[in-house]
């Protein structure tokens, strides 16, 4: 059996930073540990599209030299990073999860990657993604589907589209990872793999150098182990103070009815209810609210996202790519060819109305809470059955409303309340209030916990 070095970031980014500054671990040692874990686990997990070991070690040596000279780049100095392969990194190819060449649409490295490099992050490589980031299960027949690390005997999907990023963090292959979220692509895999995933408000993090699935709805954020990690990352990216936990006393949360709770599997329902009871016992008021507008995601999302994707690929480019595309992605994207301009414009007008309506629905509430996904990760083999494949499409049902409403959201791991597989609790806050969202999550974390780690022994040869 292959030797598996300890995960240097298992306790979180802040404890690692203390050890790094105290000389108890070097950036090279942390990077070598991650690369060894990738070598041992990635052959089956398939989280990475590309591993850039040589340049990662070169960067780590540079970080150690800076620390030895007394330079402190901040709390992410020496932290390894995996990047979803729709995000450009200088010197690395970008596949966008496709066999068809679209790197020119992503463009050169953008300010987000540049900022993280300046902060001392060490990029390990690119992670697998659903083709063009259009899909919630994580399945990619064109370039491979990562294996959810919570079950070594059954290939369960990891959630998407930031599939490889989630698997990489959950398996301890990196300090944190970048994902994108257009309809849930950070929160869904976070829920299915037991992570904290933060969908930032559109425009809060720069999206230059990122494949434009839907400029209207695209946002970037981290997949990481905890709200504490997410708060540090957010503060570094925006050069803002680190969010601090809010006081639990006096907090009011809205629990949207209907859509978010329909057709939940028993495990998810029981686990989420237990987590909400724990929050109530800690002194938080949770009230039911009506949010019928959430159901409009089913109509608006197909009118906006496929149309914007086709506009970027061009109809001619899409038809050229189509024969080599993942069949499910191609079918979803093709809908964009049939969206009339009037329908697209009407959807955009309605989306703006819903953003205003959502802002009003937060009146008197600090946030909304709901299950992140309606069920736990499904077995890949079940997708061959039409009813199961149809149910799998509901993976994004509970996450898409936040994108349509233009708000920020996060998925918090709550498997520790008795579920055999990861379950996520979704936290949603008003547009632009990402710091408050993280402050709430930081306050909830001592009550909810941060979730266990998967047993990886079954993935080792």
Protein backbone atom coordinates (compact mmCIF):
# COMPACT_ATOMS: atom_id res chain seq x y z
CA UNK A 1 0.00 0.00 0.00
CA UNK A 2 1.31 3.48 -0.91
CA UNK A 3 2.50 5.70 1.92
CA UNK A 4 0.22 8.71 2.45
CA UNK A 5 1.86 11.73 4.13
CA UNK A 6 -0.31 13.70 6.56
CA UNK A 7 -2.41 16.49 5.09
CA UNK A 8 -0.54 19.66 6.14
CA UNK A 9 -3.76 21.71 6.06
CA UNK A 10 -6.06 19.25 7.84
CA UNK A 11 -6.48 21.55 10.84
CA UNK A 12 -7.13 24.56 8.63
CA UNK A 13 -5.27 27.41 7.01
CA UNK A 14 -4.82 29.49 10.18
CA UNK A 15 -3.08 26.67 12.15
CA UNK A 16 -0.88 25.99 9.13
CA UNK A 17 0.04 29.67 8.96
CA UNK A 18 1.12 29.59 12.61
CA UNK A 19 3.25 26.50 12.03
CA UNK A 20 4.74 28.04 8.89
CA UNK A 21 5.66 31.29 10.62
CA UNK A 22 7.01 29.35 13.58
CA UNK A 23 9.33 27.33 11.39
CA UNK A 24 7.62 24.03 12.20
CA UNK A 25 6.85 23.37 8.54
CA UNK A 26 8.18 24.84 5.31
CA UNK A 27 6.36 25.58 2.07
CA UNK A 28 8.47 22.93 0.34
CA UNK A 29 7.52 20.32 2.92
CA UNK A 30 3.82 21.18 2.58
CA UNK A 31 4.00 21.14 -1.22
CA UNK A 32 5.88 17.84 -1.28
CA UNK A 33 3.26 16.31 1.03
CA UNK A 34 0.45 17.45 -1.28
CA UNK A 35 2.26 16.17 -4.37
CA UNK A 36 2.84 12.80 -2.69
CA UNK A 37 -0.83 12.58 -1.77
CA UNK A 38 -1.78 13.45 -5.34
CA UNK A 39 0.56 10.75 -6.67
CA UNK A 40 -1.00 8.18 -4.35
CA UNK A 41 -4.67 9.14 -4.65
CA UNK A 42 -5.29 10.93 -7.94
CA UNK A 43 -4.98 7.83 -10.16
CA UNK A 44 -8.38 6.73 -8.84
CA UNK A 45 -9.88 10.02 -7.63
CA UNK A 46 -9.09 11.77 -10.94
CA UNK A 47 -9.39 15.20 -9.34
CA UNK A 48 -6.63 16.84 -11.36
CA UNK A 49 -6.59 17.54 -15.08
CA UNK A 50 -2.94 18.58 -14.82
CA UNK A 51 -0.35 18.61 -12.01
CA UNK A 52 2.43 21.19 -12.27
CA UNK A 53 4.84 19.66 -9.75
CA UNK A 54 8.06 21.27 -10.96
CA UNK A 55 6.78 24.84 -10.92
CA UNK A 56 4.93 24.26 -7.64
CA UNK A 57 8.16 23.20 -5.93
CA UNK A 58 10.00 26.13 -7.50
CA UNK A 59 7.35 28.49 -6.12
CA UNK A 60 7.56 26.82 -2.70
CA UNK A 61 11.33 27.30 -2.57
CA UNK A 62 10.79 30.97 -3.37
CA UNK A 63 8.23 31.30 -0.58
CA UNK A 64 10.60 29.69 1.93
CA UNK A 65 13.36 32.08 0.87
CA UNK A 66 11.06 35.05 1.45
CA UNK A 67 10.11 33.80 4.90
CA UNK A 68 13.76 33.24 5.79
CA UNK A 69 14.43 36.85 4.77
CA UNK A 70 11.67 38.08 7.08
CA UNK A 71 9.00 38.75 4.45
CA UNK A 72 5.43 37.98 5.46
CA UNK A 73 2.92 37.85 2.58
CA UNK A 74 -0.07 37.20 4.84
CA UNK A 75 -2.18 34.26 6.03
CA UNK A 76 -2.13 32.37 2.70
CA UNK A 77 1.66 32.34 2.42
CA UNK A 78 2.78 28.78 1.69
CA UNK A 79 -0.75 27.47 1.15
CA UNK A 80 -1.18 25.17 -1.84
CA UNK A 81 -3.97 25.90 -4.29
CA UNK A 82 -5.78 23.87 -6.96
CA UNK A 83 -7.46 25.80 -9.78
CA UNK A 84 -10.59 24.75 -11.66
CA UNK A 85 -9.70 24.21 -15.29
CA UNK A 86 -11.84 27.00 -16.66
CA UNK A 87 -9.58 29.55 -14.95
CA UNK A 88 -6.42 30.67 -16.76
CA UNK A 89 -3.02 30.30 -15.13
CA UNK A 90 0.06 31.57 -16.95
CA UNK A 91 2.09 28.70 -18.35
CA UNK A 92 -0.67 26.09 -18.03
CA UNK A 93 -3.20 25.02 -20.68
CA UNK A 94 -6.91 25.54 -20.11
CA UNK A 95 -9.23 22.86 -21.47
CA UNK A 96 -12.51 24.17 -20.03
CA UNK A 97 -13.34 20.49 -19.54
CA UNK A 98 -13.63 19.99 -23.29
CA UNK A 99 -11.85 18.16 -26.08
CA UNK A 100 -12.65 21.14 -28.32
CA UNK A 101 -10.08 23.98 -28.14
CA UNK A 102 -11.60 27.01 -26.42
CA UNK A 103 -8.62 28.40 -24.51
CA UNK A 104 -8.87 31.63 -26.49
CA UNK A 105 -12.28 32.25 -24.91
CA UNK A 106 -10.83 32.08 -21.40
CA UNK A 107 -8.03 34.51 -22.15
CA UNK A 108 -4.84 35.15 -20.17
CA UNK A 109 -4.38 34.88 -16.41
CA UNK A 110 -6.61 37.33 -14.60
CA UNK A 111 -6.23 39.50 -11.49
CA UNK A 112 -7.58 36.85 -9.07
CA UNK A 113 -4.82 34.33 -9.80
CA UNK A 114 -2.27 37.15 -9.81
CA UNK A 115 -3.49 38.30 -6.38
CA UNK A 116 -3.31 34.81 -4.89
CA UNK A 117 0.22 34.36 -6.22
CA UNK A 118 1.19 37.68 -4.65
CA UNK A 119 -0.28 36.42 -1.37
CA UNK A 120 2.08 33.45 -1.43
CA UNK A 121 -0.23 30.70 -2.69
CA UNK A 122 1.42 27.81 -4.50
CA UNK A 123 -0.51 26.52 -7.50
CA UNK A 124 -0.39 22.73 -7.77
CA UNK A 125 -2.29 22.43 -11.04
CA UNK A 126 -5.68 22.40 -12.73
CA UNK A 127 -8.70 20.39 -11.55
CA UNK A 128 -11.35 18.55 -13.54
CA UNK A 129 -14.59 20.29 -14.40
CA UNK A 130 -17.84 19.57 -16.17
CA UNK A 131 -17.47 20.65 -19.80
CA UNK A 132 -17.78 24.43 -20.05
CA UNK A 133 -18.89 24.33 -16.37
CA UNK A 134 -22.43 23.45 -17.51
CA UNK A 135 -23.62 20.68 -15.20
CA UNK A 136 -24.43 19.95 -11.56
CA UNK A 137 -23.47 16.30 -11.10
CA UNK A 138 -19.78 16.55 -11.97
CA UNK A 139 -20.08 14.05 -14.82
CA UNK A 140 -17.79 14.64 -17.80
CA UNK A 141 -17.76 11.87 -20.40
CA UNK A 142 -15.27 13.82 -22.51
CA UNK A 143 -12.44 14.19 -19.97
CA UNK A 144 -13.41 12.02 -17.02
CA UNK A 145 -15.53 12.27 -13.87
CA UNK A 146 -13.76 12.57 -10.50
CA UNK A 147 -14.56 9.99 -7.83
CA UNK A 148 -16.26 11.22 -4.68
CA UNK A 149 -13.77 10.36 -1.89
CA UNK A 150 -16.52 9.40 0.56
CA UNK A 151 -17.00 5.96 -0.97
CA UNK A 152 -14.05 3.98 -2.31
CA UNK A 153 -16.18 0.98 -3.27
CA UNK A 154 -18.84 2.79 -5.33
CA UNK A 155 -18.12 5.56 -7.83
CA UNK A 156 -20.42 8.33 -6.64
CA UNK A 157 -20.55 11.61 -8.48
CA UNK A 158 -18.87 14.54 -6.69
CA UNK A 159 -21.23 17.28 -7.81
CA UNK A 160 -20.39 19.95 -10.32
CA UNK A 161 -19.35 21.73 -12.09
CA UNK A 162 -16.35 22.35 -9.78
CA UNK A 163 -15.97 18.61 -9.37
CA UNK A 164 -12.20 18.18 -9.26
CA UNK A 165 -11.70 21.16 -6.97
CA UNK A 166 -14.07 19.67 -4.41
CA UNK A 167 -12.49 16.22 -4.56
CA UNK A 168 -9.00 17.69 -4.27
CA UNK A 169 -9.84 19.53 -1.05
CA UNK A 170 -11.94 16.73 0.45
CA UNK A 171 -9.08 14.26 -0.10
CA UNK A 172 -6.47 16.61 1.35
CA UNK A 173 -4.61 17.11 -1.93
CA UNK A 174 -4.34 20.90 -1.50
CA UNK A 175 -4.88 23.71 0.98
CA UNK A 176 -7.94 25.02 -0.85
CA UNK A 177 -9.30 25.19 -4.38
CA UNK A 178 -11.00 27.67 -6.65
CA UNK A 179 -14.37 26.97 -8.19
CA UNK A 180 -16.99 28.89 -10.11
CA UNK A 181 -20.71 29.09 -9.45
CA UNK A 182 -23.33 29.95 -12.06
CA UNK A 183 -26.16 27.80 -10.74
CA UNK A 184 -24.59 26.04 -7.77
CA UNK A 185 -21.26 24.79 -9.09
CA UNK A 186 -19.41 25.52 -5.84
CA UNK A 187 -22.17 24.74 -3.33
CA UNK A 188 -23.31 21.46 -4.91
CA UNK A 189 -19.90 19.73 -4.85
CA UNK A 190 -19.26 21.23 -1.41
CA UNK A 191 -22.47 19.60 -0.20
CA UNK A 192 -21.70 16.24 -1.81
CA UNK A 193 -18.09 16.07 -0.55
CA UNK A 194 -18.42 17.61 2.93
CA UNK A 195 -16.79 21.01 2.40
CA UNK A 196 -17.46 24.68 2.92
CA UNK A 197 -18.20 26.32 -0.43
CA UNK A 198 -18.69 30.07 -0.87
CA UNK A 199 -20.56 31.50 -3.86
CA UNK A 200 -19.61 35.15 -3.85
CA UNK A 201 -21.92 37.90 -5.05
CA UNK A 202 -21.49 38.41 -8.79
CA UNK A 203 -18.74 40.98 -9.33
CA UNK A 204 -17.21 40.76 -5.85
CA UNK A 205 -14.32 38.61 -7.08
CA UNK A 206 -12.82 39.44 -10.50
CA UNK A 207 -13.79 37.06 -13.31
CA UNK A 208 -11.28 38.11 -15.95
CA UNK A 209 -9.36 35.06 -17.13
CA UNK A 210 -12.33 32.76 -16.45
CA UNK A 211 -14.33 30.96 -19.14
CA UNK A 212 -17.56 32.98 -19.52
CA UNK A 213 -20.37 30.43 -19.22
CA UNK A 214 -22.83 33.18 -18.26
CA UNK A 215 -21.49 36.67 -17.61
CA UNK A 216 -24.86 37.49 -16.04
CA UNK A 217 -24.61 34.82 -13.33
CA UNK A 218 -20.96 33.68 -13.12
CA UNK A 219 -19.11 34.11 -9.83
CA UNK A 220 -15.93 32.67 -8.33
CA UNK A 221 -15.26 31.41 -4.83
CA UNK A 222 -13.33 28.91 -2.71
CA UNK A 223 -13.90 25.30 -1.78
CA UNK A 224 -12.25 24.75 1.57
CA UNK A 225 -12.50 22.93 4.88
CA UNK A 226 -14.27 25.53 6.99
CA UNK A 227 -15.85 28.95 7.25
CA UNK A 228 -12.64 30.06 8.96
CA UNK A 229 -10.63 29.16 5.88
CA UNK A 230 -13.16 30.87 3.60
CA UNK A 231 -13.04 34.06 5.68
CA UNK A 232 -9.25 34.27 5.39
CA UNK A 233 -9.33 33.63 1.65
CA UNK A 234 -12.06 36.22 1.06
CA UNK A 235 -10.19 38.84 3.08
CA UNK A 236 -6.96 38.26 1.16
CA UNK A 237 -8.62 38.36 -2.27
CA UNK A 238 -10.36 41.67 -1.54
CA UNK A 239 -7.67 43.11 0.76
CA UNK A 240 -10.30 43.61 3.46
CA UNK A 241 -10.40 42.84 7.20
CA UNK A 242 -11.05 39.21 8.03
CA UNK A 243 -14.75 38.72 8.90
CA UNK A 244 -15.35 37.93 12.56
CA UNK A 245 -18.08 35.74 14.11
CA UNK A 246 -21.37 37.47 14.88
CA UNK A 247 -23.15 37.10 18.20
CA UNK A 248 -25.81 34.41 18.08
CA UNK A 249 -28.22 36.33 20.31
CA UNK A 250 -30.85 38.17 18.29
CA UNK A 251 -30.12 36.51 14.94
CA UNK A 252 -33.16 35.71 12.79
CA UNK A 253 -33.02 33.24 9.92
CA UNK A 254 -35.66 32.69 7.26
CA UNK A 255 -36.53 29.13 6.31
CA UNK A 256 -38.05 29.22 2.80
CA UNK A 257 -40.94 26.82 2.40
CA UNK A 258 -41.97 24.52 -0.43
CA UNK A 259 -39.42 24.18 -3.26
CA UNK A 260 -36.31 23.85 -1.07
CA UNK A 261 -37.90 21.04 0.96
CA UNK A 262 -39.74 19.09 -1.73
CA UNK A 263 -38.63 15.52 -2.49
CA UNK A 264 -35.73 15.44 -0.02
CA UNK A 265 -34.29 12.03 0.73
CA UNK A 266 -34.82 10.95 4.34
CA UNK A 267 -31.15 11.31 5.29
CA UNK A 268 -30.92 14.87 4.01
CA UNK A 269 -34.17 15.96 5.64
CA UNK A 270 -33.29 14.46 9.04
CA UNK A 271 -29.75 15.86 8.99
CA UNK A 272 -30.81 19.38 8.04
CA UNK A 273 -33.60 19.38 10.62
CA UNK A 274 -31.11 18.30 13.30
CA UNK A 275 -28.73 21.09 12.32
CA UNK A 276 -31.51 23.69 12.46
CA UNK A 277 -32.59 22.40 15.87
CA UNK A 278 -29.01 22.86 17.08
CA UNK A 279 -29.01 26.45 15.82
CA UNK A 280 -32.36 27.10 17.51
CA UNK A 281 -31.06 25.64 20.76
CA UNK A 282 -28.12 28.04 20.52
CA UNK A 283 -30.53 30.97 20.63
CA UNK A 284 -31.14 31.70 16.93
CA UNK A 285 -34.71 32.39 15.83
CA UNK A 286 -35.71 30.52 12.68
CA UNK A 287 -38.97 31.50 10.99
CA UNK A 288 -40.70 30.07 7.94
CA UNK A 289 -41.01 32.42 4.98
CA UNK A 290 -42.80 32.28 1.64
CA UNK A 291 -40.46 32.49 -1.34
CA UNK A 292 -42.54 31.44 -4.36
CA UNK A 293 -40.22 33.32 -6.70
CA UNK A 294 -37.59 30.62 -6.17
CA UNK A 295 -39.54 28.33 -8.49
CA UNK A 296 -38.89 30.72 -11.38
CA UNK A 297 -35.32 29.44 -11.57
CA UNK A 298 -36.62 26.54 -13.70
CA UNK A 299 -37.81 28.97 -16.37
CA UNK A 300 -35.18 31.70 -16.22
CA UNK A 301 -32.01 29.65 -16.00
CA UNK A 302 -32.54 27.85 -19.38
CA UNK A 303 -33.42 31.16 -21.02
CA UNK A 304 -30.22 32.89 -19.91
CA UNK A 305 -27.31 30.49 -19.45
CA UNK A 306 -27.41 28.35 -22.65
CA UNK A 307 -28.04 31.48 -24.74
CA UNK A 308 -25.02 33.26 -23.29
CA UNK A 309 -22.85 30.15 -23.74
CA UNK A 310 -23.83 29.80 -27.40
CA UNK A 311 -23.23 33.52 -27.93
CA UNK A 312 -19.69 33.06 -26.62
CA UNK A 313 -18.95 29.84 -28.52
CA UNK A 314 -20.86 31.17 -31.56
CA UNK A 315 -23.40 28.87 -33.20
CA UNK A 316 -20.80 27.78 -35.75
CA UNK A 317 -18.24 27.04 -33.04
CA UNK A 318 -20.77 25.05 -31.05
CA UNK A 319 -21.68 22.91 -34.05
CA UNK A 320 -17.98 22.21 -34.64
CA UNK A 321 -17.49 21.24 -31.00
CA UNK A 322 -20.73 19.28 -30.66
CA UNK A 323 -19.60 15.89 -32.06
CA UNK A 324 -16.83 15.67 -29.44
CA UNK A 325 -18.75 17.14 -26.52
CA UNK A 326 -20.15 15.35 -23.50
CA UNK A 327 -23.65 14.37 -24.74
CA UNK A 328 -25.50 15.81 -21.74
CA UNK A 329 -23.62 19.11 -21.93
CA UNK A 330 -24.20 19.32 -25.67
CA UNK A 331 -27.93 18.76 -25.21
CA UNK A 332 -28.20 21.47 -22.55
CA UNK A 333 -26.09 23.94 -24.51
CA UNK A 334 -28.04 23.34 -27.71
CA UNK A 335 -31.11 24.87 -26.07
CA UNK A 336 -29.33 28.21 -26.44
CA UNK A 337 -29.71 27.95 -30.21
CA UNK A 338 -33.49 28.11 -29.85
CA UNK A 339 -33.88 30.94 -27.31
CA UNK A 340 -35.49 33.94 -29.08
CA UNK A 341 -34.07 37.37 -28.34
CA UNK A 342 -37.42 38.42 -26.85
CA UNK A 343 -37.36 35.47 -24.44
CA UNK A 344 -33.78 36.23 -23.38
CA UNK A 345 -34.55 39.91 -22.82
CA UNK A 346 -37.72 39.10 -20.88
CA UNK A 347 -35.77 36.71 -18.66
CA UNK A 348 -33.22 39.40 -17.92
CA UNK A 349 -35.93 41.94 -17.04
CA UNK A 350 -37.62 39.40 -14.77
CA UNK A 351 -34.29 38.55 -13.12
CA UNK A 352 -33.83 42.20 -12.15
CA UNK A 353 -37.33 42.24 -10.69
CA UNK A 354 -36.50 39.12 -8.66
CA UNK A 355 -33.31 40.69 -7.35
CA UNK A 356 -35.40 43.57 -5.97
CA UNK A 357 -38.00 41.17 -4.56
CA UNK A 358 -35.33 39.08 -2.85
CA UNK A 359 -33.87 42.17 -1.20
CA UNK A 360 -37.29 42.89 0.31
CA UNK A 361 -37.69 39.30 1.50
CA UNK A 362 -34.57 39.71 3.65
CA UNK A 363 -36.25 42.51 5.63
CA UNK A 364 -35.98 41.66 9.33
CA UNK A 365 -33.83 38.60 8.60
CA UNK A 366 -30.08 38.08 8.72
CA UNK A 367 -30.06 35.20 6.22
CA UNK A 368 -32.02 32.31 4.75
CA UNK A 369 -31.26 28.64 5.43
CA UNK A 370 -32.18 25.55 3.42
CA UNK A 371 -30.75 22.21 2.33
CA UNK A 372 -27.95 22.71 -0.21
CA UNK A 373 -29.03 19.69 -2.26
CA UNK A 374 -32.13 17.44 -2.09
CA UNK A 375 -30.12 14.25 -1.63
CA UNK A 376 -26.64 12.85 -0.98
CA UNK A 377 -24.20 11.87 -3.73
CA UNK A 378 -25.65 9.29 -6.11
CA UNK A 379 -23.85 6.27 -7.56
CA UNK A 380 -22.68 6.84 -11.11
CA UNK A 381 -24.08 3.49 -12.24
CA UNK A 382 -27.58 4.63 -11.27
CA UNK A 383 -27.49 7.35 -13.93
CA UNK A 384 -28.14 4.70 -16.57
CA UNK A 385 -31.73 4.49 -15.31
CA UNK A 386 -33.98 7.28 -16.69
CA UNK A 387 -35.73 8.05 -13.41
CA UNK A 388 -32.45 8.28 -11.50
CA UNK A 389 -30.88 10.41 -14.22
CA UNK A 390 -33.89 12.72 -14.08
CA UNK A 391 -33.61 12.98 -10.30
CA UNK A 392 -29.91 13.78 -10.56
CA UNK A 393 -30.87 16.95 -12.46
CA UNK A 394 -32.43 18.21 -9.22
CA UNK A 395 -28.90 18.63 -7.80
CA UNK A 396 -29.07 22.33 -8.68
CA UNK A 397 -32.72 22.97 -7.75
CA UNK A 398 -31.91 24.46 -4.32
CA UNK A 399 -28.86 26.41 -5.44
CA UNK A 400 -30.03 28.12 -8.62
CA UNK A 401 -32.39 30.56 -6.84
CA UNK A 402 -29.46 32.33 -5.17
CA UNK A 403 -27.90 32.94 -8.58
CA UNK A 404 -31.16 34.20 -10.06
CA UNK A 405 -31.72 36.45 -7.01
CA UNK A 406 -28.19 37.89 -7.33
CA UNK A 407 -27.31 37.12 -3.70
CA UNK A 408 -24.35 35.43 -1.99
CA UNK A 409 -24.54 31.96 -0.50
CA UNK A 410 -22.52 29.16 1.06
CA UNK A 411 -22.85 25.46 1.78
CA UNK A 412 -21.75 24.31 5.23
CA UNK A 413 -21.01 20.64 6.02
CA UNK A 414 -23.44 19.04 8.49
CA UNK A 415 -22.79 15.32 8.00
CA UNK A 416 -21.75 15.18 11.65
CA UNK A 417 -25.45 15.21 12.58
CA UNK A 418 -25.72 11.52 11.71
CA UNK A 419 -25.53 11.12 7.94
CA UNK A 420 -23.37 8.38 6.40
CA UNK A 421 -22.55 10.63 3.42
CA UNK A 422 -21.99 14.40 3.34
CA UNK A 423 -24.98 16.76 3.59
CA UNK A 424 -24.83 20.53 3.18
CA UNK A 425 -26.74 23.35 4.86
CA UNK A 426 -27.13 26.32 2.53
CA UNK A 427 -26.82 29.81 3.98
CA UNK A 428 -27.97 32.75 1.82
CA UNK A 429 -27.44 36.46 2.50
CA UNK A 430 -28.33 39.68 0.67
CA UNK A 431 -26.46 40.86 -2.40
CA UNK A 432 -23.01 42.22 -1.62
CA UNK A 433 -23.06 41.08 2.01
CA UNK A 434 -20.44 38.35 1.64
CA UNK A 435 -18.57 39.48 4.75
CA UNK A 436 -21.78 39.18 6.78
CA UNK A 437 -22.47 35.74 5.26
CA UNK A 438 -19.04 34.58 6.41
CA UNK A 439 -19.49 36.18 9.83
CA UNK A 440 -22.73 34.22 10.24
CA UNK A 441 -21.05 31.00 9.12
CA UNK A 442 -18.23 31.62 11.59
CA UNK A 443 -20.79 32.03 14.35
CA UNK A 444 -22.59 28.84 13.34
CA UNK A 445 -19.45 26.73 13.00
CA UNK A 446 -18.92 26.11 16.73
CA UNK A 447 -22.53 24.89 16.88
CA UNK A 448 -22.52 22.82 13.69
CA UNK A 449 -18.90 21.67 13.61
CA UNK A 450 -16.72 21.39 10.51
CA UNK A 451 -17.47 17.83 9.46
CA UNK A 452 -15.32 14.69 9.41
CA UNK A 453 -12.75 13.65 6.81
CA UNK A 454 -13.23 10.67 4.50
CA UNK A 455 -11.42 7.37 4.96
CA UNK A 456 -9.04 7.26 1.99
CA UNK A 457 -7.45 3.87 2.64
CA UNK A 458 -9.61 2.24 -0.03
CA UNK A 459 -8.09 4.48 -2.71
CA UNK A 460 -4.51 3.37 -2.03
CA UNK A 461 -2.85 0.57 -3.97
